[in-house]
N, C-alpha and C. Protein backbone atom coordinates (compact mmCIF):
# COMPACT_ATOMS: atom_id res chain seq x y z
N MET A 1 -17.18 18.50 11.54
CA MET A 1 -16.15 18.49 10.51
C MET A 1 -16.25 17.18 9.73
N PRO A 2 -16.38 17.22 8.41
CA PRO A 2 -16.50 15.99 7.63
C PRO A 2 -15.19 15.21 7.65
N SER A 3 -15.32 13.90 7.69
CA SER A 3 -14.11 13.08 7.69
C SER A 3 -13.64 12.88 6.25
N CYS A 4 -12.35 12.79 6.10
CA CYS A 4 -11.75 12.61 4.78
C CYS A 4 -11.61 11.11 4.53
N LYS A 5 -12.26 10.61 3.52
CA LYS A 5 -12.16 9.19 3.20
C LYS A 5 -10.93 8.96 2.32
N LEU A 6 -10.07 8.05 2.76
CA LEU A 6 -8.87 7.73 1.99
C LEU A 6 -9.24 6.80 0.84
N PRO A 7 -8.50 6.87 -0.25
CA PRO A 7 -8.81 6.01 -1.39
C PRO A 7 -8.61 4.54 -1.04
N GLU A 8 -9.33 3.68 -1.73
CA GLU A 8 -9.19 2.23 -1.56
C GLU A 8 -7.77 1.84 -1.99
N LEU A 9 -7.11 1.04 -1.18
CA LEU A 9 -5.72 0.67 -1.47
C LEU A 9 -5.61 -0.82 -1.72
N THR A 10 -4.65 -1.18 -2.54
CA THR A 10 -4.36 -2.59 -2.76
C THR A 10 -2.86 -2.79 -2.66
N SER A 11 -2.45 -3.97 -2.30
CA SER A 11 -1.03 -4.28 -2.24
C SER A 11 -0.38 -4.20 -3.61
N ALA A 12 -1.16 -4.38 -4.66
CA ALA A 12 -0.61 -4.35 -6.01
C ALA A 12 -0.10 -2.96 -6.38
N THR A 13 -0.47 -1.95 -5.60
CA THR A 13 -0.04 -0.58 -5.87
C THR A 13 1.48 -0.44 -5.75
N TRP A 14 2.09 -1.22 -4.92
CA TRP A 14 3.52 -1.10 -4.62
C TRP A 14 4.29 -2.34 -5.02
N ARG A 15 5.51 -2.12 -5.40
CA ARG A 15 6.44 -3.22 -5.60
C ARG A 15 7.63 -2.92 -4.71
N VAL A 16 7.85 -3.74 -3.70
CA VAL A 16 8.93 -3.50 -2.75
C VAL A 16 10.22 -4.07 -3.32
N THR A 17 11.21 -3.21 -3.47
CA THR A 17 12.51 -3.64 -3.96
C THR A 17 13.59 -3.04 -3.07
N LEU A 18 14.77 -3.55 -3.20
CA LEU A 18 15.91 -3.03 -2.45
C LEU A 18 16.88 -2.44 -3.45
N GLN A 19 17.16 -1.15 -3.32
CA GLN A 19 18.09 -0.49 -4.23
C GLN A 19 19.51 -0.94 -3.95
N GLY A 20 20.32 -0.90 -4.96
CA GLY A 20 21.75 -1.11 -4.78
C GLY A 20 22.21 -2.54 -4.87
N ASP A 21 21.32 -3.50 -5.09
CA ASP A 21 21.79 -4.86 -5.29
C ASP A 21 22.63 -4.88 -6.57
N SER A 22 23.81 -5.43 -6.45
CA SER A 22 24.66 -5.43 -7.64
C SER A 22 25.55 -6.65 -7.66
N VAL A 23 25.97 -6.94 -8.86
CA VAL A 23 26.93 -8.02 -9.08
C VAL A 23 28.10 -7.41 -9.80
N ASP A 24 29.32 -7.77 -9.40
CA ASP A 24 30.52 -7.26 -10.06
C ASP A 24 30.50 -7.83 -11.47
N LYS A 25 30.31 -6.97 -12.47
CA LYS A 25 30.15 -7.44 -13.84
C LYS A 25 31.41 -8.08 -14.40
N ALA A 26 32.57 -7.64 -13.96
CA ALA A 26 33.82 -8.21 -14.47
C ALA A 26 33.97 -9.66 -13.99
N GLN A 27 33.64 -9.91 -12.74
CA GLN A 27 33.82 -11.26 -12.19
C GLN A 27 32.52 -12.04 -12.11
N ARG A 28 31.38 -11.36 -12.36
CA ARG A 28 30.08 -12.00 -12.23
C ARG A 28 29.89 -12.62 -10.85
N THR A 29 30.38 -11.93 -9.84
CA THR A 29 30.21 -12.40 -8.47
C THR A 29 29.50 -11.32 -7.67
N GLU A 30 28.87 -11.73 -6.62
CA GLU A 30 28.18 -10.80 -5.74
C GLU A 30 29.22 -10.02 -4.95
N THR A 31 29.02 -8.71 -4.82
CA THR A 31 29.94 -7.89 -4.03
C THR A 31 29.61 -8.06 -2.55
N PRO A 32 30.57 -7.83 -1.66
CA PRO A 32 30.29 -7.96 -0.21
C PRO A 32 29.13 -7.07 0.25
N SER A 33 29.04 -5.85 -0.27
CA SER A 33 27.96 -4.96 0.17
C SER A 33 26.60 -5.46 -0.32
N SER A 34 26.53 -5.99 -1.54
CA SER A 34 25.25 -6.50 -2.01
C SER A 34 24.86 -7.77 -1.26
N ARG A 35 25.84 -8.56 -0.86
CA ARG A 35 25.56 -9.77 -0.07
C ARG A 35 24.97 -9.38 1.28
N ARG A 36 25.54 -8.36 1.93
CA ARG A 36 25.01 -7.92 3.23
C ARG A 36 23.58 -7.41 3.08
N ARG A 37 23.30 -6.64 2.02
CA ARG A 37 21.94 -6.14 1.81
C ARG A 37 20.98 -7.30 1.58
N ARG A 38 21.39 -8.27 0.79
CA ARG A 38 20.53 -9.42 0.52
C ARG A 38 20.24 -10.20 1.79
N GLU A 39 21.26 -10.35 2.64
CA GLU A 39 21.08 -11.09 3.88
C GLU A 39 20.16 -10.36 4.85
N ARG A 40 20.13 -9.03 4.78
CA ARG A 40 19.26 -8.25 5.67
C ARG A 40 17.82 -8.28 5.22
N ARG A 41 17.59 -8.53 3.97
CA ARG A 41 16.24 -8.53 3.42
C ARG A 41 15.42 -9.62 4.09
N LYS A 42 14.21 -9.30 4.45
CA LYS A 42 13.35 -10.26 5.13
C LYS A 42 12.11 -10.52 4.28
N PRO A 43 12.05 -11.66 3.58
CA PRO A 43 10.90 -11.94 2.71
C PRO A 43 9.56 -11.91 3.45
N GLU A 44 9.56 -12.30 4.72
CA GLU A 44 8.30 -12.32 5.47
C GLU A 44 7.78 -10.91 5.76
N HIS A 45 8.57 -9.89 5.48
CA HIS A 45 8.15 -8.51 5.72
C HIS A 45 7.49 -7.87 4.49
N VAL A 46 7.60 -8.49 3.34
CA VAL A 46 7.18 -7.84 2.10
C VAL A 46 5.72 -7.42 2.11
N ASN A 47 4.80 -8.29 2.51
CA ASN A 47 3.38 -7.92 2.50
C ASN A 47 3.09 -6.77 3.45
N LYS A 48 3.68 -6.81 4.63
CA LYS A 48 3.46 -5.71 5.58
C LYS A 48 4.06 -4.42 5.04
N LEU A 49 5.25 -4.50 4.44
CA LEU A 49 5.86 -3.31 3.84
C LEU A 49 4.98 -2.73 2.75
N ARG A 50 4.41 -3.57 1.92
CA ARG A 50 3.51 -3.09 0.87
C ARG A 50 2.33 -2.34 1.47
N ASN A 51 1.75 -2.90 2.52
CA ASN A 51 0.61 -2.24 3.17
C ASN A 51 1.01 -0.90 3.77
N ILE A 52 2.15 -0.87 4.44
CA ILE A 52 2.62 0.38 5.06
C ILE A 52 2.89 1.43 3.99
N LEU A 53 3.58 1.05 2.92
CA LEU A 53 3.91 2.02 1.87
C LEU A 53 2.66 2.52 1.14
N ALA A 54 1.71 1.64 0.92
CA ALA A 54 0.46 2.07 0.29
C ALA A 54 -0.27 3.06 1.18
N ARG A 55 -0.30 2.77 2.46
CA ARG A 55 -0.96 3.67 3.41
C ARG A 55 -0.23 5.01 3.50
N LEU A 56 1.09 4.98 3.48
CA LEU A 56 1.87 6.22 3.50
C LEU A 56 1.55 7.09 2.28
N THR A 57 1.37 6.46 1.15
CA THR A 57 1.05 7.19 -0.07
C THR A 57 -0.29 7.90 0.05
N ALA A 58 -1.25 7.27 0.67
CA ALA A 58 -2.59 7.83 0.79
C ALA A 58 -2.75 8.77 1.99
N ALA A 59 -1.89 8.65 2.98
CA ALA A 59 -2.03 9.42 4.21
C ALA A 59 -1.82 10.90 3.98
N LEU A 60 -2.68 11.70 4.60
CA LEU A 60 -2.56 13.15 4.53
C LEU A 60 -1.96 13.72 5.80
N THR A 61 -2.06 12.96 6.89
CA THR A 61 -1.50 13.37 8.18
C THR A 61 -0.88 12.17 8.86
N VAL A 62 -0.08 12.43 9.87
CA VAL A 62 0.53 11.34 10.65
C VAL A 62 -0.56 10.46 11.26
N ALA A 63 -1.64 11.08 11.71
CA ALA A 63 -2.72 10.33 12.35
C ALA A 63 -3.32 9.26 11.43
N ASP A 64 -3.24 9.46 10.12
CA ASP A 64 -3.74 8.45 9.18
C ASP A 64 -2.95 7.15 9.25
N MET A 65 -1.76 7.21 9.83
CA MET A 65 -0.92 6.00 9.96
C MET A 65 -1.15 5.27 11.28
N ASP A 66 -2.02 5.80 12.12
CA ASP A 66 -2.28 5.20 13.43
C ASP A 66 -3.33 4.10 13.30
N LEU A 67 -2.91 2.98 12.74
CA LEU A 67 -3.80 1.84 12.49
C LEU A 67 -3.42 0.67 13.39
N PRO A 68 -4.37 -0.20 13.70
CA PRO A 68 -4.04 -1.38 14.49
C PRO A 68 -2.93 -2.20 13.82
N GLY A 69 -1.96 -2.59 14.59
CA GLY A 69 -0.85 -3.39 14.07
C GLY A 69 0.34 -2.57 13.57
N PHE A 70 0.14 -1.27 13.34
CA PHE A 70 1.25 -0.45 12.86
C PHE A 70 2.08 0.12 14.02
N ARG A 71 1.47 0.26 15.18
CA ARG A 71 2.16 0.77 16.38
C ARG A 71 2.90 2.08 16.09
N LEU A 72 2.17 3.04 15.59
CA LEU A 72 2.74 4.36 15.28
C LEU A 72 3.32 5.00 16.54
N HIS A 73 4.54 5.54 16.43
CA HIS A 73 5.15 6.28 17.53
C HIS A 73 6.13 7.31 16.99
N SER A 74 6.29 8.39 17.75
CA SER A 74 7.24 9.43 17.35
C SER A 74 8.62 9.04 17.86
N LEU A 75 9.63 9.50 17.15
CA LEU A 75 11.01 9.18 17.51
C LEU A 75 11.65 10.35 18.25
N LYS A 76 12.71 10.05 18.97
CA LYS A 76 13.40 11.07 19.78
C LYS A 76 14.85 11.17 19.36
N GLY A 77 15.56 12.07 19.99
CA GLY A 77 17.00 12.21 19.74
C GLY A 77 17.28 12.71 18.34
N GLU A 78 18.26 12.09 17.67
CA GLU A 78 18.65 12.50 16.32
C GLU A 78 17.51 12.42 15.32
N LEU A 79 16.54 11.56 15.60
CA LEU A 79 15.42 11.37 14.67
C LEU A 79 14.16 12.10 15.12
N LYS A 80 14.31 13.09 15.98
CA LYS A 80 13.16 13.88 16.42
C LYS A 80 12.50 14.50 15.18
N GLY A 81 11.19 14.42 15.13
CA GLY A 81 10.45 14.89 13.96
C GLY A 81 10.05 13.76 13.02
N PHE A 82 10.64 12.58 13.24
CA PHE A 82 10.30 11.39 12.47
C PHE A 82 9.30 10.55 13.26
N TYR A 83 8.59 9.71 12.55
CA TYR A 83 7.67 8.75 13.15
C TYR A 83 8.06 7.38 12.65
N ALA A 84 7.59 6.35 13.37
CA ALA A 84 7.89 4.98 12.97
C ALA A 84 6.64 4.12 13.11
N VAL A 85 6.55 3.14 12.23
CA VAL A 85 5.55 2.08 12.36
C VAL A 85 6.30 0.75 12.34
N THR A 86 5.75 -0.20 13.05
CA THR A 86 6.40 -1.49 13.19
C THR A 86 6.09 -2.39 12.00
N VAL A 87 7.16 -2.99 11.47
CA VAL A 87 6.99 -4.01 10.43
C VAL A 87 6.91 -5.36 11.14
N ARG A 88 7.94 -5.66 11.91
CA ARG A 88 7.97 -6.89 12.71
C ARG A 88 9.16 -6.83 13.64
N ALA A 89 8.97 -7.27 14.87
CA ALA A 89 10.03 -7.31 15.89
C ALA A 89 10.77 -5.96 15.92
N ASN A 90 12.05 -5.94 15.60
CA ASN A 90 12.82 -4.70 15.67
C ASN A 90 12.92 -3.96 14.33
N TRP A 91 12.15 -4.35 13.34
CA TRP A 91 12.15 -3.69 12.03
C TRP A 91 11.07 -2.63 11.98
N ARG A 92 11.42 -1.44 11.49
CA ARG A 92 10.51 -0.30 11.42
C ARG A 92 10.58 0.38 10.06
N VAL A 93 9.51 1.02 9.68
CA VAL A 93 9.52 1.99 8.60
C VAL A 93 9.46 3.35 9.29
N ILE A 94 10.46 4.18 9.03
CA ILE A 94 10.47 5.52 9.62
C ILE A 94 10.19 6.54 8.52
N PHE A 95 9.62 7.67 8.92
CA PHE A 95 9.24 8.70 7.95
C PHE A 95 8.95 9.99 8.70
N ARG A 96 8.86 11.06 7.94
CA ARG A 96 8.39 12.33 8.47
C ARG A 96 7.35 12.87 7.50
N PHE A 97 6.48 13.74 8.00
CA PHE A 97 5.45 14.34 7.16
C PHE A 97 5.79 15.79 6.90
N ASP A 98 5.63 16.20 5.65
CA ASP A 98 5.86 17.59 5.28
C ASP A 98 4.89 17.93 4.15
N GLY A 99 4.10 18.96 4.35
CA GLY A 99 3.18 19.40 3.30
C GLY A 99 2.13 18.38 2.93
N GLY A 100 1.71 17.55 3.88
CA GLY A 100 0.64 16.60 3.62
C GLY A 100 1.06 15.30 2.97
N HIS A 101 2.39 15.03 2.95
CA HIS A 101 2.83 13.74 2.42
C HIS A 101 4.09 13.27 3.15
N ALA A 102 4.31 11.96 3.11
CA ALA A 102 5.45 11.36 3.78
C ALA A 102 6.72 11.62 2.99
N GLU A 103 7.80 11.88 3.71
CA GLU A 103 9.12 12.09 3.10
C GLU A 103 10.16 11.32 3.90
N ASP A 104 11.33 11.17 3.32
CA ASP A 104 12.47 10.52 3.98
C ASP A 104 12.07 9.18 4.59
N VAL A 105 11.41 8.35 3.80
CA VAL A 105 10.94 7.05 4.25
C VAL A 105 12.12 6.06 4.22
N ASP A 106 12.27 5.29 5.29
CA ASP A 106 13.34 4.29 5.34
C ASP A 106 12.86 3.06 6.10
N TYR A 107 13.43 1.93 5.77
CA TYR A 107 13.17 0.64 6.39
C TYR A 107 14.39 0.28 7.20
N VAL A 108 14.26 0.23 8.52
CA VAL A 108 15.45 0.10 9.36
C VAL A 108 15.29 -1.01 10.42
N ASP A 109 16.42 -1.59 10.76
CA ASP A 109 16.54 -2.49 11.89
C ASP A 109 17.15 -1.64 13.00
N TYR A 110 16.40 -1.35 14.04
CA TYR A 110 16.89 -0.40 15.03
C TYR A 110 17.86 -0.99 16.03
N HIS A 111 18.25 -2.20 15.90
CA HIS A 111 19.27 -2.79 16.82
C HIS A 111 20.61 -2.85 16.14
């Protein structure tokens, strides 16, 4: 069976952002919810997140995500059917595969 070669990937393919950052326009102050999101953001994770997201874009199967350092594993319980790869420590990118592409991708702190 011929192996499927994935396209060459670069970190420049992705721009990692956090949705929902907002400032109260009337007061020009940060809202409590946007402050919490900003505080959760981990700048040291950005390069790894870019690599994971680029790989997810190119992956045709879950097995394509089984790379050294990603620590691919399936999830149980409420998240049965989802898979996770490690970003760092307790931070994960979780996703499921449907029709040959990743769906429902999220960046989570599992603690």
